[in-house]
């Protein structure tokens, strides 16, 4: 049956454009240039409140399983949040300058971050402290673990460096013509890369060769998402042209251009994208693979973290409690709004 896209709700949450979005099994969180993180409860379709810990544009948001969220911002801080009470468990001064990107290892025991101080930092999340610092020649703006956690990639302008975890050394480099805006592991060995053009390209991590490229949009692609559903690999793309497109990727025919499942013109200048899968309508197998903001099937692994109490479940300090604002009256979200003034900062 054909796929269709219908707006579920529209909400003018931020006073500036959106810069980051993350999704777990229940919540969608959005970060903005207005320095706030807004929370939405997708089960109840309500606005759940705001997190006000950062003083700077929110640059990255990533859930780990159902219980924790990490946020990074231009104030150089990484904050670890408990998603039950939305308390800031720990605030780490991670980088001199901005935090540009972070990624949590599938085990939940460590995270990587990059910032404008030209460093790549490894964080021990069990103890909430820095484990390792690597100096880079330039500022990296994206970092991402592979789903199996055996390698990670950094992006510096138009260059992807692939690192092996066990040696922490570069095993290969992919260079594109344009600056890279987004990248996604489709499998442990295949990367989908979007740059400052209309193309999506699939690369092999092993050979670093381009397996397939196709024109996805009329304007630059801003973000890529992917998930599995009933054995089907689905790619979702968002572009400055206002379109969100959903593609079916056949991994057995990776050289073939993915087929378009559906598209929608949001009439907004899109900046970032997340996909929330309603697990109630999914099978058990699919709910294990539900898209969190990072790798799939982290949910069952989050139990590893619960056994270690120090950082993930540590007591939050008083300042953190004071600075978080959860709206007491949960506001019902409006149905799709009538056209307001041009909303350049609509979320995807």
Foldseek 3Di string as FASTA:
>chain_A
DFDDDDFFFFDPDDPAFWQEWWFAQFWIWTWAQNQKIWIAGPVQQFTWFIARPGDGGWQYWFAQADFWIWTWGQVQWIFIAGVVVRFGLDIDNHDDGGWQEKEAALLNQWIWTFHQVQWIWIAGQLAGGTDDIDGHPGGWRYKAAAQNRQWIWTFDFQKIFIAGPVVRDTPDMAGDDGGWQEKAHLHSFWMWTFGQAQKIWIAGNNVSDTLEMDRHDPGGWRYKDWFDAPNWIKIWTQAQQQKIWIWTADPVPNHDDTHTSDMDRRLEREHYDDDHDNCVPGDPVRSCQTDTRGGGNSNVSCVSSVVRCNRNPHDHDPVRVVRTITPPPTGNGDHYDDDDPHDRRTYD
